[in-house]
Amino acid sequence: MGAWVEELVEQGGFTGTVLVHVGFDGHAWLRCDRSRPGWARAVRDALGRWDLALLSSEGELLLVVSEEEYECVAFASTEAGRERRRAGKAS
């Protein structure tokens, strides 16, 4: 699953580091260097779960991965996508 998450991040257009939501009071986000293969598995091992929220360092891309009982699902959003949807609804 780690390779799948890394592929989603790559295909989603993330560049440089990734911010990982860790949910700790006072330190909600952790900056993660994704330059080495296996970084997603390392994050999962540290957090103990596959439920991840990953934010691009520019704050424009969001990827949420959730481990359900028998499957894993991912959702992606971008600021540009939200702007396109707003523009479509406004016309």
N, C-alpha and C. Protein backbone atom coordinates (compact mmCIF):
# COMPACT_ATOMS: atom_id res chain seq x y z
N MET A 1 0.81 -1.19 0.00
CA MET A 1 0.00 0.00 0.00
C MET A 1 0.86 1.26 0.00
N GLY A 2 2.02 1.20 0.59
CA GLY A 2 2.90 2.36 0.60
C GLY A 2 3.25 2.83 -0.80
N ALA A 3 3.53 1.88 -1.69
CA ALA A 3 3.86 2.23 -3.07
C ALA A 3 2.66 2.90 -3.76
N TRP A 4 1.45 2.43 -3.44
CA TRP A 4 0.23 3.01 -4.01
C TRP A 4 0.08 4.47 -3.56
N VAL A 5 0.28 4.73 -2.28
CA VAL A 5 0.18 6.10 -1.77
C VAL A 5 1.23 6.98 -2.43
N GLU A 6 2.45 6.49 -2.55
CA GLU A 6 3.51 7.26 -3.19
C GLU A 6 3.17 7.55 -4.65
N GLU A 7 2.57 6.59 -5.33
CA GLU A 7 2.16 6.79 -6.72
C GLU A 7 1.05 7.84 -6.82
N LEU A 8 0.09 7.81 -5.91
CA LEU A 8 -0.98 8.82 -5.90
C LEU A 8 -0.41 10.22 -5.70
N VAL A 9 0.54 10.34 -4.81
CA VAL A 9 1.17 11.64 -4.54
C VAL A 9 1.89 12.12 -5.80
N GLU A 10 2.63 11.23 -6.43
CA GLU A 10 3.35 11.59 -7.65
C GLU A 10 2.39 11.99 -8.77
N GLN A 11 1.36 11.18 -8.99
CA GLN A 11 0.39 11.46 -10.05
C GLN A 11 -0.42 12.73 -9.74
N GLY A 12 -0.59 13.03 -8.47
CA GLY A 12 -1.35 14.20 -8.07
C GLY A 12 -0.62 15.51 -8.27
N GLY A 13 0.68 15.44 -8.60
CA GLY A 13 1.43 16.65 -8.86
C GLY A 13 2.13 17.26 -7.67
N PHE A 14 2.22 16.51 -6.57
CA PHE A 14 2.95 17.01 -5.41
C PHE A 14 4.42 17.17 -5.79
N THR A 15 5.05 18.23 -5.31
CA THR A 15 6.48 18.43 -5.52
C THR A 15 7.12 18.69 -4.16
N GLY A 16 8.38 18.38 -4.05
CA GLY A 16 9.11 18.64 -2.81
C GLY A 16 8.57 17.85 -1.64
N THR A 17 8.53 18.50 -0.50
CA THR A 17 8.09 17.83 0.72
C THR A 17 6.56 17.77 0.78
N VAL A 18 6.07 16.92 1.65
CA VAL A 18 4.64 16.73 1.86
C VAL A 18 4.36 17.00 3.34
N LEU A 19 3.27 17.66 3.63
CA LEU A 19 2.84 17.85 5.01
C LEU A 19 1.87 16.73 5.35
N VAL A 20 2.13 16.03 6.44
CA VAL A 20 1.31 14.91 6.88
C VAL A 20 0.57 15.31 8.14
N HIS A 21 -0.76 15.17 8.13
CA HIS A 21 -1.53 15.49 9.32
C HIS A 21 -1.34 14.37 10.34
N VAL A 22 -0.81 14.73 11.51
CA VAL A 22 -0.54 13.73 12.53
C VAL A 22 -1.49 13.83 13.71
N GLY A 23 -2.22 14.95 13.82
CA GLY A 23 -3.24 15.06 14.84
C GLY A 23 -2.76 15.33 16.25
N PHE A 24 -1.52 15.71 16.42
CA PHE A 24 -1.02 16.02 17.76
C PHE A 24 -1.37 17.45 18.12
N ASP A 25 -1.77 17.67 19.35
CA ASP A 25 -2.06 19.03 19.80
C ASP A 25 -0.80 19.88 19.68
N GLY A 26 -0.93 21.02 19.05
CA GLY A 26 0.19 21.93 18.91
C GLY A 26 1.09 21.64 17.73
N HIS A 27 1.07 20.42 17.23
CA HIS A 27 1.90 20.03 16.08
C HIS A 27 1.06 19.16 15.16
N ALA A 28 0.08 19.77 14.52
CA ALA A 28 -0.87 19.00 13.72
C ALA A 28 -0.27 18.46 12.43
N TRP A 29 0.77 19.12 11.89
CA TRP A 29 1.34 18.72 10.60
C TRP A 29 2.83 18.43 10.74
N LEU A 30 3.28 17.42 10.04
CA LEU A 30 4.68 17.02 10.03
C LEU A 30 5.20 17.13 8.60
N ARG A 31 6.32 17.79 8.42
CA ARG A 31 6.92 17.91 7.09
C ARG A 31 7.67 16.61 6.78
N CYS A 32 7.36 16.01 5.64
CA CYS A 32 7.92 14.72 5.27
C CYS A 32 8.71 14.84 3.96
N ASP A 33 9.95 14.40 3.99
CA ASP A 33 10.79 14.34 2.80
C ASP A 33 10.42 13.08 2.03
N ARG A 34 9.94 13.24 0.81
CA ARG A 34 9.50 12.09 0.03
C ARG A 34 10.48 11.70 -1.05
N SER A 35 11.74 12.09 -0.89
CA SER A 35 12.75 11.82 -1.92
C SER A 35 13.20 10.36 -1.95
N ARG A 36 12.95 9.61 -0.91
CA ARG A 36 13.36 8.19 -0.89
C ARG A 36 12.16 7.28 -1.00
N PRO A 37 12.26 6.25 -1.83
CA PRO A 37 11.17 5.27 -1.88
C PRO A 37 10.94 4.68 -0.49
N GLY A 38 9.68 4.44 -0.17
CA GLY A 38 9.34 3.87 1.13
C GLY A 38 8.93 4.89 2.17
N TRP A 39 8.91 6.17 1.80
CA TRP A 39 8.57 7.19 2.79
C TRP A 39 7.15 7.03 3.31
N ALA A 40 6.21 6.61 2.45
CA ALA A 40 4.81 6.45 2.89
C ALA A 40 4.70 5.34 3.92
N ARG A 41 5.38 4.24 3.70
CA ARG A 41 5.37 3.12 4.65
C ARG A 41 5.99 3.58 5.98
N ALA A 42 7.04 4.37 5.92
CA ALA A 42 7.67 4.87 7.15
C ALA A 42 6.70 5.75 7.95
N VAL A 43 5.94 6.60 7.24
CA VAL A 43 4.94 7.44 7.91
C VAL A 43 3.87 6.56 8.54
N ARG A 44 3.39 5.56 7.80
CA ARG A 44 2.37 4.65 8.31
C ARG A 44 2.87 3.91 9.54
N ASP A 45 4.11 3.43 9.49
CA ASP A 45 4.67 2.71 10.63
C ASP A 45 4.78 3.62 11.86
N ALA A 46 5.13 4.88 11.64
CA ALA A 46 5.26 5.82 12.76
C ALA A 46 3.90 6.16 13.37
N LEU A 47 2.88 6.32 12.51
CA LEU A 47 1.55 6.69 13.00
C LEU A 47 0.71 5.48 13.41
N GLY A 48 1.04 4.31 12.87
CA GLY A 48 0.31 3.10 13.22
C GLY A 48 -1.00 2.93 12.49
N ARG A 49 -1.19 3.67 11.38
CA ARG A 49 -2.44 3.56 10.63
C ARG A 49 -2.22 4.07 9.21
N TRP A 50 -3.13 3.65 8.32
CA TRP A 50 -3.07 4.13 6.94
C TRP A 50 -3.99 5.32 6.72
N ASP A 51 -4.71 5.77 7.69
CA ASP A 51 -5.55 6.96 7.52
C ASP A 51 -4.63 8.18 7.50
N LEU A 52 -4.42 8.71 6.29
CA LEU A 52 -3.47 9.81 6.12
C LEU A 52 -4.13 10.99 5.42
N ALA A 53 -3.76 12.18 5.83
CA ALA A 53 -4.11 13.40 5.11
C ALA A 53 -2.78 14.04 4.73
N LEU A 54 -2.56 14.18 3.43
CA LEU A 54 -1.31 14.72 2.92
C LEU A 54 -1.59 16.03 2.19
N LEU A 55 -0.85 17.06 2.54
CA LEU A 55 -1.03 18.39 1.96
C LEU A 55 0.27 18.79 1.28
N SER A 56 0.17 19.34 0.07
CA SER A 56 1.38 19.80 -0.61
C SER A 56 1.99 20.95 0.19
N SER A 57 3.30 21.10 0.07
CA SER A 57 3.97 22.16 0.83
C SER A 57 3.48 23.55 0.42
N GLU A 58 2.92 23.66 -0.79
CA GLU A 58 2.36 24.94 -1.25
C GLU A 58 0.93 25.14 -0.75
N GLY A 59 0.32 24.10 -0.20
CA GLY A 59 -1.03 24.18 0.32
C GLY A 59 -2.10 24.11 -0.75
N GLU A 60 -1.75 23.68 -1.97
CA GLU A 60 -2.71 23.65 -3.07
C GLU A 60 -3.31 22.28 -3.32
N LEU A 61 -2.65 21.23 -2.89
CA LEU A 61 -3.10 19.87 -3.16
C LEU A 61 -3.34 19.14 -1.85
N LEU A 62 -4.41 18.37 -1.80
CA LEU A 62 -4.74 17.58 -0.62
C LEU A 62 -5.07 16.17 -1.07
N LEU A 63 -4.50 15.19 -0.41
CA LEU A 63 -4.78 13.78 -0.66
C LEU A 63 -5.12 13.13 0.66
N VAL A 64 -6.28 12.49 0.73
CA VAL A 64 -6.71 11.81 1.94
C VAL A 64 -6.84 10.33 1.61
N VAL A 65 -6.16 9.50 2.38
CA VAL A 65 -6.20 8.05 2.20
C VAL A 65 -6.81 7.46 3.46
N SER A 66 -7.77 6.57 3.29
CA SER A 66 -8.45 5.98 4.43
C SER A 66 -8.48 4.46 4.28
N GLU A 67 -8.13 3.79 5.35
CA GLU A 67 -8.16 2.33 5.38
C GLU A 67 -9.50 1.90 5.97
N GLU A 68 -10.33 1.31 5.13
CA GLU A 68 -11.61 0.80 5.57
C GLU A 68 -11.45 -0.67 5.96
N GLU A 69 -12.53 -1.31 6.33
CA GLU A 69 -12.44 -2.69 6.81
C GLU A 69 -11.82 -3.63 5.78
N TYR A 70 -12.27 -3.55 4.53
CA TYR A 70 -11.78 -4.47 3.51
C TYR A 70 -11.15 -3.78 2.31
N GLU A 71 -10.97 -2.49 2.37
CA GLU A 71 -10.41 -1.77 1.23
C GLU A 71 -9.78 -0.46 1.70
N CYS A 72 -9.02 0.13 0.81
CA CYS A 72 -8.47 1.45 1.06
C CYS A 72 -9.01 2.39 -0.02
N VAL A 73 -9.34 3.59 0.36
CA VAL A 73 -9.87 4.57 -0.57
C VAL A 73 -9.04 5.85 -0.46
N ALA A 74 -9.03 6.61 -1.56
CA ALA A 74 -8.29 7.87 -1.57
C ALA A 74 -9.14 8.94 -2.23
N PHE A 75 -9.01 10.14 -1.73
CA PHE A 75 -9.72 11.31 -2.27
C PHE A 75 -8.69 12.41 -2.46
N ALA A 76 -8.80 13.13 -3.57
CA ALA A 76 -7.87 14.21 -3.85
C ALA A 76 -8.64 15.48 -4.17
N SER A 77 -8.08 16.61 -3.79
CA SER A 77 -8.70 17.89 -4.06
C SER A 77 -7.60 18.91 -4.34
N THR A 78 -7.92 19.88 -5.16
CA THR A 78 -6.98 20.97 -5.43
C THR A 78 -7.72 22.29 -5.34
N GLU A 79 -7.00 23.34 -5.06
CA GLU A 79 -7.59 24.68 -5.03
C GLU A 79 -8.10 25.04 -6.42
N ALA A 80 -7.34 24.68 -7.45
CA ALA A 80 -7.76 24.98 -8.82
C ALA A 80 -9.07 24.26 -9.15
N GLY A 81 -9.22 23.04 -8.68
CA GLY A 81 -10.45 22.30 -8.91
C GLY A 81 -11.64 22.96 -8.25
N ARG A 82 -11.46 23.47 -7.04
CA ARG A 82 -12.54 24.18 -6.36
C ARG A 82 -12.92 25.44 -7.12
N GLU A 83 -11.92 26.16 -7.62
CA GLU A 83 -12.19 27.39 -8.37
C GLU A 83 -12.96 27.07 -9.66
N ARG A 84 -12.59 25.98 -10.34
CA ARG A 84 -13.30 25.60 -11.57
C ARG A 84 -14.76 25.25 -11.25
N ARG A 85 -14.99 24.53 -10.16
CA ARG A 85 -16.36 24.17 -9.79
C ARG A 85 -17.17 25.42 -9.46
N ARG A 86 -16.59 26.35 -8.72
CA ARG A 86 -17.28 27.60 -8.38
C ARG A 86 -17.63 28.37 -9.65
N ALA A 87 -16.69 28.45 -10.57
CA ALA A 87 -16.92 29.19 -11.81
C ALA A 87 -18.02 28.54 -12.63
N GLY A 88 -18.09 27.23 -12.65
CA GLY A 88 -19.13 26.52 -13.38
C GLY A 88 -20.49 26.72 -12.78
N LYS A 89 -20.57 26.79 -11.47
CA LYS A 89 -21.86 27.00 -10.79
C LYS A 89 -22.32 28.45 -10.92
N ALA A 90 -21.36 29.36 -11.04
CA ALA A 90 -21.72 30.78 -11.11
C ALA A 90 -22.28 31.15 -12.48
N SER A 91 -21.95 30.38 -13.52
CA SER A 91 -22.42 30.75 -14.87
C SER A 91 -23.76 30.17 -15.20
